C-alpha atoms as a PDB file:
ATOM      1  CA  MET A   1    -108.373  39.316 -48.395  1.00  0.00           C
ATOM      2  CA  PRO A   2    -105.008  39.533 -50.845  1.00  0.00           C
ATOM      3  CA  ILE A   3    -105.797  41.174 -54.442  1.00  0.00           C
ATOM      4  CA  GLU A   4    -104.848  39.437 -57.751  1.00  0.00           C
ATOM      5  CA  VAL A   5    -104.547  41.836 -60.397  1.00  0.00           C
ATOM      6  CA  HIS A   6    -104.339  40.412 -64.189  1.00  0.00           C
ATOM      7  CA  TYR A   7    -103.942  42.884 -67.371  1.00  0.00           C
ATOM      8  CA  HIS A   8    -103.541  42.571 -71.056  1.00  0.00           C
ATOM      9  CA  ASN A   9    -101.756  44.763 -72.737  1.00  0.00           C
ATOM     10  CA  ASP A  10    -104.184  45.620 -75.806  1.00  0.00           C
ATOM     11  CA  LEU A  11    -103.475  49.592 -74.426  1.00  0.00           C
ATOM     12  CA  GLY A  12     -99.593  49.375 -74.134  1.00  0.00           C
ATOM     13  CA  MET A  13    -100.720  50.027 -70.545  1.00  0.00           C
ATOM     14  CA  ALA A  14    -100.262  46.437 -68.776  1.00  0.00           C
ATOM     15  CA  VAL A  15     -97.541  46.472 -66.644  1.00  0.00           C
ATOM     16  CA  ALA A  16     -98.737  50.305 -65.497  1.00  0.00           C
ATOM     17  CA  CYS A  17    -102.115  49.077 -64.875  1.00  0.00           C
ATOM     18  CA  SER A  18    -100.593  45.841 -62.638  1.00  0.00           C
ATOM     19  CA  VAL A  19     -98.275  47.657 -60.596  1.00  0.00           C
ATOM     20  CA  MET A  20    -100.609  50.770 -59.888  1.00  0.00           C
ATOM     21  CA  GLY A  21    -103.625  48.373 -59.301  1.00  0.00           C
ATOM     22  CA  ALA A  22    -100.608  46.464 -56.513  1.00  0.00           C
ATOM     23  CA  LYS A  23     -99.930  49.971 -55.401  1.00  0.00           C
ATOM     24  CA  GLY A  24    -103.660  50.858 -54.624  1.00  0.00           C
ATOM     25  CA  ALA A  25    -103.965  47.340 -52.935  1.00  0.00           C
ATOM     26  CA  ILE A  26    -101.155  47.661 -50.610  1.00  0.00           C
ATOM     27  CA  ASP A  27    -101.713  51.217 -49.653  1.00  0.00           C
ATOM     28  CA  ALA A  28    -105.119  50.338 -49.020  1.00  0.00           C
ATOM     29  CA  GLY A  29    -103.786  47.455 -46.441  1.00  0.00           C
ATOM     30  CA  VAL A  30    -104.064  44.372 -48.189  1.00  0.00           C
ATOM     31  CA  ASP A  31    -101.478  42.001 -49.995  1.00  0.00           C
ATOM     32  CA  ALA A  32    -101.736  41.646 -53.620  1.00  0.00           C
ATOM     33  CA  TYR A  33    -100.062  39.785 -56.501  1.00  0.00           C
ATOM     34  CA  ILE A  34     -99.670  40.287 -60.024  1.00  0.00           C
ATOM     35  CA  ASN A  35    -100.340  38.094 -62.763  1.00  0.00           C
ATOM     36  CA  THR A  36     -97.224  38.471 -64.924  1.00  0.00           C
ATOM     37  CA  ALA A  37     -95.924  36.867 -68.661  1.00  0.00           C
ATOM     38  CA  ILE A  38     -91.899  36.431 -69.238  1.00  0.00           C
ATOM     39  CA  ASN A  39     -91.351  38.656 -72.509  1.00  0.00           C
ATOM     40  CA  GLY A  40     -95.149  39.838 -71.415  1.00  0.00           C
ATOM     41  CA  MET A  41     -96.349  36.522 -74.115  1.00  0.00           C
ATOM     42  CA  GLY A  42    -100.084  36.245 -73.590  1.00  0.00           C
ATOM     43  CA  GLU A  43    -103.398  36.433 -75.848  1.00  0.00           C
ATOM     44  CA  ARG A  44    -103.814  39.234 -78.256  1.00  0.00           C
ATOM     45  CA  ALA A  45    -101.477  42.082 -76.878  1.00  0.00           C
ATOM     46  CA  GLY A  46    -100.269  40.119 -74.351  1.00  0.00           C
ATOM     47  CA  ASN A  47     -99.638  40.297 -70.837  1.00  0.00           C
ATOM     48  CA  ALA A  48     -97.991  42.051 -68.094  1.00  0.00           C
ATOM     49  CA  ASP A  49     -94.297  41.283 -68.446  1.00  0.00           C
ATOM     50  CA  LEU A  50     -92.344  39.669 -65.120  1.00  0.00           C
ATOM     51  CA  VAL A  51     -89.167  41.721 -65.786  1.00  0.00           C
ATOM     52  CA  SER A  52     -90.372  45.113 -66.277  1.00  0.00           C
ATOM     53  CA  CYS A  53     -93.139  44.974 -63.160  1.00  0.00           C
ATOM     54  CA  LEU A  54     -89.935  43.669 -61.312  1.00  0.00           C
ATOM     55  CA  LEU A  55     -88.227  47.071 -62.264  1.00  0.00           C
ATOM     56  CA  SER A  56     -90.750  49.019 -62.035  1.00  0.00           C
ATOM     57  CA  ILE A  57     -91.133  48.218 -58.704  1.00  0.00           C
ATOM     58  CA  LEU A  58     -87.722  48.250 -57.491  1.00  0.00           C
ATOM     59  CA  LYS A  59     -86.433  51.302 -59.406  1.00  0.00           C
ATOM     60  CA  SER A  60     -89.167  53.717 -60.422  1.00  0.00           C
ATOM     61  CA  ALA A  61     -89.521  56.828 -58.268  1.00  0.00           C
ATOM     62  CA  GLY A  62     -92.134  56.518 -55.480  1.00  0.00           C
ATOM     63  CA  PHE A  63     -91.801  52.881 -55.525  1.00  0.00           C
ATOM     64  CA  LYS A  64     -87.855  51.621 -54.651  1.00  0.00           C
ATOM     65  CA  ASN A  65     -87.528  50.274 -50.881  1.00  0.00           C
ATOM     66  CA  LYS A  66     -91.297  51.196 -50.448  1.00  0.00           C
ATOM     67  CA  TYR A  67     -92.602  47.969 -51.227  1.00  0.00           C
ATOM     68  CA  GLN A  68     -91.902  44.164 -50.565  1.00  0.00           C
ATOM     69  CA  LEU A  69     -90.670  41.696 -53.297  1.00  0.00           C
ATOM     70  CA  ASP A  70     -90.620  38.361 -52.740  1.00  0.00           C
ATOM     71  CA  GLU A  71     -87.066  37.663 -51.079  1.00  0.00           C
ATOM     72  CA  ARG A  72     -86.637  34.949 -53.342  1.00  0.00           C
ATOM     73  CA  ILE A  73     -86.499  36.823 -56.545  1.00  0.00           C
ATOM     74  CA  ASP A  74     -83.711  37.085 -58.365  1.00  0.00           C
ATOM     75  CA  LEU A  75     -83.501  39.744 -60.992  1.00  0.00           C
ATOM     76  CA  SER A  76     -79.583  38.357 -62.162  1.00  0.00           C
ATOM     77  CA  LYS A  77     -81.767  35.404 -63.907  1.00  0.00           C
ATOM     78  CA  ALA A  78     -84.169  37.738 -65.633  1.00  0.00           C
ATOM     79  CA  TRP A  79     -81.550  37.463 -69.050  1.00  0.00           C
ATOM     80  CA  LYS A  80     -81.195  34.286 -68.962  1.00  0.00           C
ATOM     81  CA  LEU A  81     -85.482  33.645 -68.548  1.00  0.00           C
ATOM     82  CA  ALA A  82     -86.066  35.744 -70.865  1.00  0.00           C
ATOM     83  CA  LYS A  83     -83.499  34.412 -73.973  1.00  0.00           C
ATOM     84  CA  TYR A  84     -84.828  30.349 -73.228  1.00  0.00           C
ATOM     85  CA  THR A  85     -88.430  31.596 -73.269  1.00  0.00           C
ATOM     86  CA  ALA A  86     -87.684  33.504 -76.443  1.00  0.00           C
ATOM     87  CA  TYR A  87     -86.079  30.088 -77.700  1.00  0.00           C
ATOM     88  CA  ALA A  88     -88.798  27.807 -76.068  1.00  0.00           C
ATOM     89  CA  PHE A  89     -91.902  29.459 -78.009  1.00  0.00           C
ATOM     90  CA  GLY A  90     -90.065  30.174 -80.940  1.00  0.00           C
ATOM     91  CA  VAL A  91     -91.013  34.275 -80.794  1.00  0.00           C
ATOM     92  CA  ALA A  92     -88.350  36.511 -80.295  1.00  0.00           C
ATOM     93  CA  ILE A  93     -87.667  39.348 -77.939  1.00  0.00           C
ATOM     94  CA  PRO A  94     -88.980  43.162 -79.269  1.00  0.00           C
ATOM     95  CA  ILE A  95     -85.784  44.554 -80.293  1.00  0.00           C
ATOM     96  CA  ASN A  96     -86.893  48.209 -77.588  1.00  0.00           C
ATOM     97  CA  GLN A  97     -88.391  45.313 -74.967  1.00  0.00           C
ATOM     98  CA  PRO A  98     -87.534  46.934 -71.495  1.00  0.00           C
ATOM     99  CA  ALA A  99     -84.036  45.626 -69.906  1.00  0.00           C
ATOM    100  CA  VAL A 100     -83.674  42.382 -72.213  1.00  0.00           C
ATOM    101  CA  GLY A 101     -84.237  43.822 -75.353  1.00  0.00           C
ATOM    102  CA  ASP A 102     -81.180  44.039 -77.579  1.00  0.00           C
ATOM    103  CA  ASN A 103     -81.463  47.993 -77.398  1.00  0.00           C
ATOM    104  CA  ALA A 104     -82.115  47.947 -74.021  1.00  0.00           C
ATOM    105  CA  PHE A 105     -78.435  49.729 -73.201  1.00  0.00           C
ATOM    106  CA  ALA A 106     -77.867  50.799 -76.667  1.00  0.00           C
ATOM    107  CA  HIS A 107     -76.558  55.017 -77.026  1.00  0.00           C
ATOM    108  CA  GLU A 108     -76.063  55.793 -80.672  1.00  0.00           C
ATOM    109  CA  SER A 109     -76.920  59.678 -80.545  1.00  0.00           C
ATOM    110  CA  GLY A 110     -73.383  61.656 -79.573  1.00  0.00           C
ATOM    111  CA  ILE A 111     -75.040  63.264 -76.258  1.00  0.00           C
ATOM    112  CA  HIS A 112     -76.643  60.141 -75.053  1.00  0.00           C
ATOM    113  CA  ALA A 113     -73.450  58.292 -76.007  1.00  0.00           C
ATOM    114  CA  ASP A 114     -71.748  60.632 -74.243  1.00  0.00           C
ATOM    115  CA  GLY A 115     -73.387  60.841 -71.621  1.00  0.00           C
ATOM    116  CA  ALA A 116     -73.688  57.165 -70.572  1.00  0.00           C
ATOM    117  CA  LEU A 117     -70.218  56.995 -70.680  1.00  0.00           C
ATOM    118  CA  LYS A 118     -69.376  59.683 -68.569  1.00  0.00           C
ATOM    119  CA  ASP A 119     -72.238  58.224 -65.590  1.00  0.00           C
ATOM    120  CA  ARG A 120     -74.533  55.219 -66.796  1.00  0.00           C
ATOM    121  CA  ARG A 121     -77.145  57.143 -64.345  1.00  0.00           C
ATOM    122  CA  ASN A 122     -77.684  59.678 -67.391  1.00  0.00           C
ATOM    123  CA  TYR A 123     -79.738  57.800 -69.182  1.00  0.00           C
ATOM    124  CA  GLU A 124     -79.673  54.265 -67.080  1.00  0.00           C
ATOM    125  CA  LEU A 125     -81.735  53.557 -64.450  1.00  0.00           C
ATOM    126  CA  TYR A 126     -79.974  50.020 -63.862  1.00  0.00           C
ATOM    127  CA  ASP A 127     -77.373  48.283 -64.611  1.00  0.00           C
ATOM    128  CA  PHE A 128     -77.329  45.716 -67.437  1.00  0.00           C
ATOM    129  CA  GLU A 129     -75.137  43.317 -64.817  1.00  0.00           C
ATOM    130  CA  GLU A 130     -78.012  43.164 -62.285  1.00  0.00           C
ATOM    131  CA  LEU A 131     -80.080  41.346 -65.138  1.00  0.00           C
ATOM    132  CA  GLY A 132     -77.744  38.568 -65.739  1.00  0.00           C
ATOM    133  CA  ARG A 133     -75.993  40.336 -69.053  1.00  0.00           C
ATOM    134  CA  GLY A 134     -72.899  41.635 -70.410  1.00  0.00           C
ATOM    135  CA  GLU A 135     -71.686  38.123 -70.346  1.00  0.00           C
ATOM    136  CA  PRO A 136     -69.987  37.207 -73.997  1.00  0.00           C
ATOM    137  CA  GLU A 137     -71.744  34.984 -75.985  1.00  0.00           C
ATOM    138  CA  ILE A 138     -69.553  32.906 -78.873  1.00  0.00           C
ATOM    139  CA  ILE A 139     -71.378  32.098 -81.895  1.00  0.00           C
ATOM    140  CA  GLU A 140     -70.103  28.918 -83.768  1.00  0.00           C
ATOM    141  CA  THR A 141     -69.316  30.599 -87.531  1.00  0.00           C
ATOM    142  CA  GLY A 142     -67.958  27.208 -88.696  1.00  0.00           C
ATOM    143  CA  ARG A 143     -68.311  23.681 -88.156  1.00  0.00           C
ATOM    144  CA  MET A 144     -70.826  23.047 -85.525  1.00  0.00           C
ATOM    145  CA  ILE A 145     -71.822  19.546 -83.491  1.00  0.00           C
ATOM    146  CA  THR A 146     -75.093  19.836 -81.746  1.00  0.00           C
ATOM    147  CA  THR A 147     -76.613  16.540 -79.734  1.00  0.00           C
ATOM    148  CA  GLY A 148     -80.207  15.644 -79.574  1.00  0.00           C
ATOM    149  CA  GLU A 149     -82.740  12.758 -80.585  1.00  0.00           C
ATOM    150  CA  TYR A 150     -80.020  11.280 -83.537  1.00  0.00           C
ATOM    151  CA  GLY A 151     -76.715  12.389 -81.894  1.00  0.00           C
ATOM    152  CA  GLY A 152     -74.199   9.800 -81.166  1.00  0.00           C
ATOM    153  CA  ILE A 153     -71.802   9.084 -78.514  1.00  0.00           C
ATOM    154  CA  LYS A 154     -68.808  10.965 -80.472  1.00  0.00           C
ATOM    155  CA  GLY A 155     -70.854  14.122 -80.944  1.00  0.00           C
ATOM    156  CA  PHE A 156     -72.602  13.984 -77.337  1.00  0.00           C
ATOM    157  CA  ARG A 157     -68.892  13.735 -75.743  1.00  0.00           C
ATOM    158  CA  ASN A 158     -67.738  16.582 -78.139  1.00  0.00           C
ATOM    159  CA  VAL A 159     -70.635  18.617 -76.744  1.00  0.00           C
ATOM    160  CA  TYR A 160     -69.913  18.380 -73.560  1.00  0.00           C
ATOM    161  CA  ASN A 161     -66.579  18.590 -73.670  1.00  0.00           C
ATOM    162  CA  LYS A 162     -67.025  22.311 -74.798  1.00  0.00           C
ATOM    163  CA  LEU A 163     -69.217  22.487 -71.452  1.00  0.00           C
ATOM    164  CA  GLU A 164     -65.959  21.388 -69.598  1.00  0.00           C
ATOM    165  CA  ILE A 165     -67.700  18.430 -68.578  1.00  0.00           C
ATOM    166  CA  GLU A 166     -65.816  14.830 -68.855  1.00  0.00           C
ATOM    167  CA  PHE A 167     -67.550  11.177 -68.326  1.00  0.00           C
ATOM    168  CA  LYS A 168     -66.242   9.198 -65.825  1.00  0.00           C
ATOM    169  CA  ASP A 169     -66.358   6.254 -68.657  1.00  0.00           C
ATOM    170  CA  GLU A 170     -68.378   5.149 -71.505  1.00  0.00           C
ATOM    171  CA  LYS A 171     -70.890   3.639 -69.654  1.00  0.00           C
ATOM    172  CA  GLU A 172     -72.032   7.317 -68.140  1.00  0.00           C
ATOM    173  CA  ALA A 173     -71.608   9.096 -71.613  1.00  0.00           C
ATOM    174  CA  ARG A 174     -74.015   6.548 -72.978  1.00  0.00           C
ATOM    175  CA  THR A 175     -76.276   6.581 -70.488  1.00  0.00           C
ATOM    176  CA  VAL A 176     -76.648  10.527 -70.093  1.00  0.00           C
ATOM    177  CA  LEU A 177     -76.846  10.434 -74.195  1.00  0.00           C
ATOM    178  CA  GLU A 178     -79.678   8.245 -73.755  1.00  0.00           C
ATOM    179  CA  LEU A 179     -81.218  10.817 -71.673  1.00  0.00           C
ATOM    180  CA  ALA A 180     -80.529  13.385 -73.665  1.00  0.00           C
ATOM    181  CA  ARG A 181     -82.207  11.962 -76.778  1.00  0.00           C
ATOM    182  CA  TYR A 182     -85.429  11.505 -75.053  1.00  0.00           C
ATOM    183  CA  ALA A 183     -85.331  15.211 -73.807  1.00  0.00           C
ATOM    184  CA  ASN A 184     -84.689  16.259 -77.623  1.00  0.00           C
ATOM    185  CA  VAL A 185     -87.821  14.226 -78.650  1.00  0.00           C
ATOM    186  CA  HIS A 186     -89.815  16.134 -76.041  1.00  0.00           C
ATOM    187  CA  THR A 187     -88.765  19.580 -76.565  1.00  0.00           C
ATOM    188  CA  GLN A 188     -88.117  18.761 -80.506  1.00  0.00           C
ATOM    189  CA  LYS A 189     -85.649  22.061 -80.471  1.00  0.00           C
ATOM    190  CA  PRO A 190     -81.807  21.345 -80.378  1.00  0.00           C
ATOM    191  CA  LEU A 191     -81.016  21.231 -76.516  1.00  0.00           C
ATOM    192  CA  THR A 192     -79.529  24.299 -75.011  1.00  0.00           C
ATOM    193  CA  SER A 193     -76.159  24.207 -72.939  1.00  0.00           C
ATOM    194  CA  SER A 194     -77.950  25.224 -69.773  1.00  0.00           C
ATOM    195  CA  GLU A 195     -80.819  22.447 -70.496  1.00  0.00           C
ATOM    196  CA  LEU A 196     -77.020  19.670 -71.600  1.00  0.00           C
ATOM    197  CA  LYS A 197     -75.764  20.892 -68.119  1.00  0.00           C
ATOM    198  CA  PHE A 198     -79.232  20.613 -66.391  1.00  0.00           C
ATOM    199  CA  ILE A 199     -79.842  16.435 -67.909  1.00  0.00           C
ATOM    200  CA  TYR A 200     -76.142  15.810 -66.118  1.00  0.00           C
ATOM    201  CA  TYR A 201     -76.292  17.313 -62.679  1.00  0.00           C
ATOM    202  CA  TYR A 202     -80.174  16.558 -62.196  1.00  0.00           C
ATOM    203  CA  PRO A 203     -80.592  13.327 -63.808  1.00  0.00           C
ATOM    204  CA  GLU A 204     -83.712  12.531 -62.332  1.00  0.00           C
ATOM    205  CA  ILE A 205     -85.791  15.673 -62.502  1.00  0.00           C
ATOM    206  CA  ALA A 206     -84.794  16.067 -66.238  1.00  0.00           C
ATOM    207  CA  ALA A 207     -86.532  12.833 -66.507  1.00  0.00           C
ATOM    208  CA  ARG A 208     -89.638  14.026 -65.434  1.00  0.00           C
ATOM    209  CA  VAL A 209     -89.618  17.484 -66.752  1.00  0.00           C
ATOM    210  CA  MET A 210     -87.829  17.310 -69.851  1.00  0.00           C
ATOM    211  CA  THR A 211     -89.672  13.895 -71.380  1.00  0.00           C
ATOM    212  CA  VAL A 212     -93.083  12.576 -72.470  1.00  0.00           C
ATOM    213  CA  SER A 213     -95.388  10.830 -70.458  1.00  0.00           C
ATOM    214  CA  PRO A 214     -94.791   8.002 -69.279  1.00  0.00           C
ATOM    215  CA  TYR A 215     -91.659  10.027 -68.128  1.00  0.00           C
ATOM    216  CA  TYR A 216     -88.264   8.095 -68.949  1.00  0.00           C
ATOM    217  CA  GLU A 217     -86.590   5.360 -66.300  1.00  0.00           C
ATOM    218  CA  LEU A 218     -83.577   7.023 -64.748  1.00  0.00           C
ATOM    219  CA  SER A 219     -80.875   3.674 -64.873  1.00  0.00           C
ATOM    220  CA  GLU A 220     -79.257   2.475 -62.242  1.00  0.00           C
ATOM    221  CA  ALA A 221     -76.141   4.078 -62.988  1.00  0.00           C
ATOM    222  CA  LEU A 222     -77.552   7.585 -63.324  1.00  0.00           C
ATOM    223  CA  LYS A 223     -79.257   7.264 -59.686  1.00  0.00           C
ATOM    224  CA  ASP A 224     -75.756   5.776 -58.375  1.00  0.00           C
ATOM    225  CA  ARG A 225     -73.952   8.815 -60.133  1.00  0.00           C
ATOM    226  CA  LYS A 226     -76.334  11.402 -58.148  1.00  0.00           C
ATOM    227  CA  LYS A 227     -75.269  10.289 -54.961  1.00  0.00           C
ATOM    228  CA  ALA A 228     -71.608  10.841 -55.513  1.00  0.00           C
ATOM    229  CA  LEU A 229     -72.361  14.237 -56.468  1.00  0.00           C
ATOM    230  CA  PRO A 230     -71.058  17.024 -54.877  1.00  0.00           C
ATOM    231  CA  GLN A 231     -74.175  18.198 -51.845  1.00  0.00           C
ATOM    232  CA  HIS A 232     -74.017  22.007 -54.187  1.00  0.00           C
ATOM    233  CA  ILE A 233     -74.527  20.557 -57.205  1.00  0.00           C
ATOM    234  CA  VAL A 234     -77.373  17.947 -56.064  1.00  0.00           C
END
């Protein structure tokens, strides 16, 4: 019978207990499932952090290459997932959070900086690129045009142009804008670039998961456009 482990972090040991509990179950001959939370968010002191558990199993001595994880797990999405979760919940990622915190790959003292520059393995167990980190992030410091519940067509098209997405005509732009407005009412936060791309490429799914119930009814124009999208996008 499979064993499921669920730990809270009241003593700062949620990840350690989860990983060792799963190890004990597997070593005894049964499958194990670890309950985790993105960024360790949960009641009281939180739950076992998803990324920390994954890295513990993938990178720790005594675990690496000995235990099988779901083959669908893609560690390169860790950074984006952690950042989006922090944004959606309004809870900042702790600066010292393993793998995804701002200081996770920061080196200041002379011996540490020198060692990391000579060979990252002196102080880093894994590469930041594995987590999807390292890409430059552009932060607007001047005029910023956003889109949402009250957004107009001019500003909306400006936002999508920055994402290198062009609408074939005014009708398509206004149809997508209407869906984006409904999505913004639901989230009550400015839509991220990932959300805006999702709305454009997957309008039917976006209508179901990003709008309030009863969900936004997709127009025939968007349904027809979806059929014309390249298959690798759909």
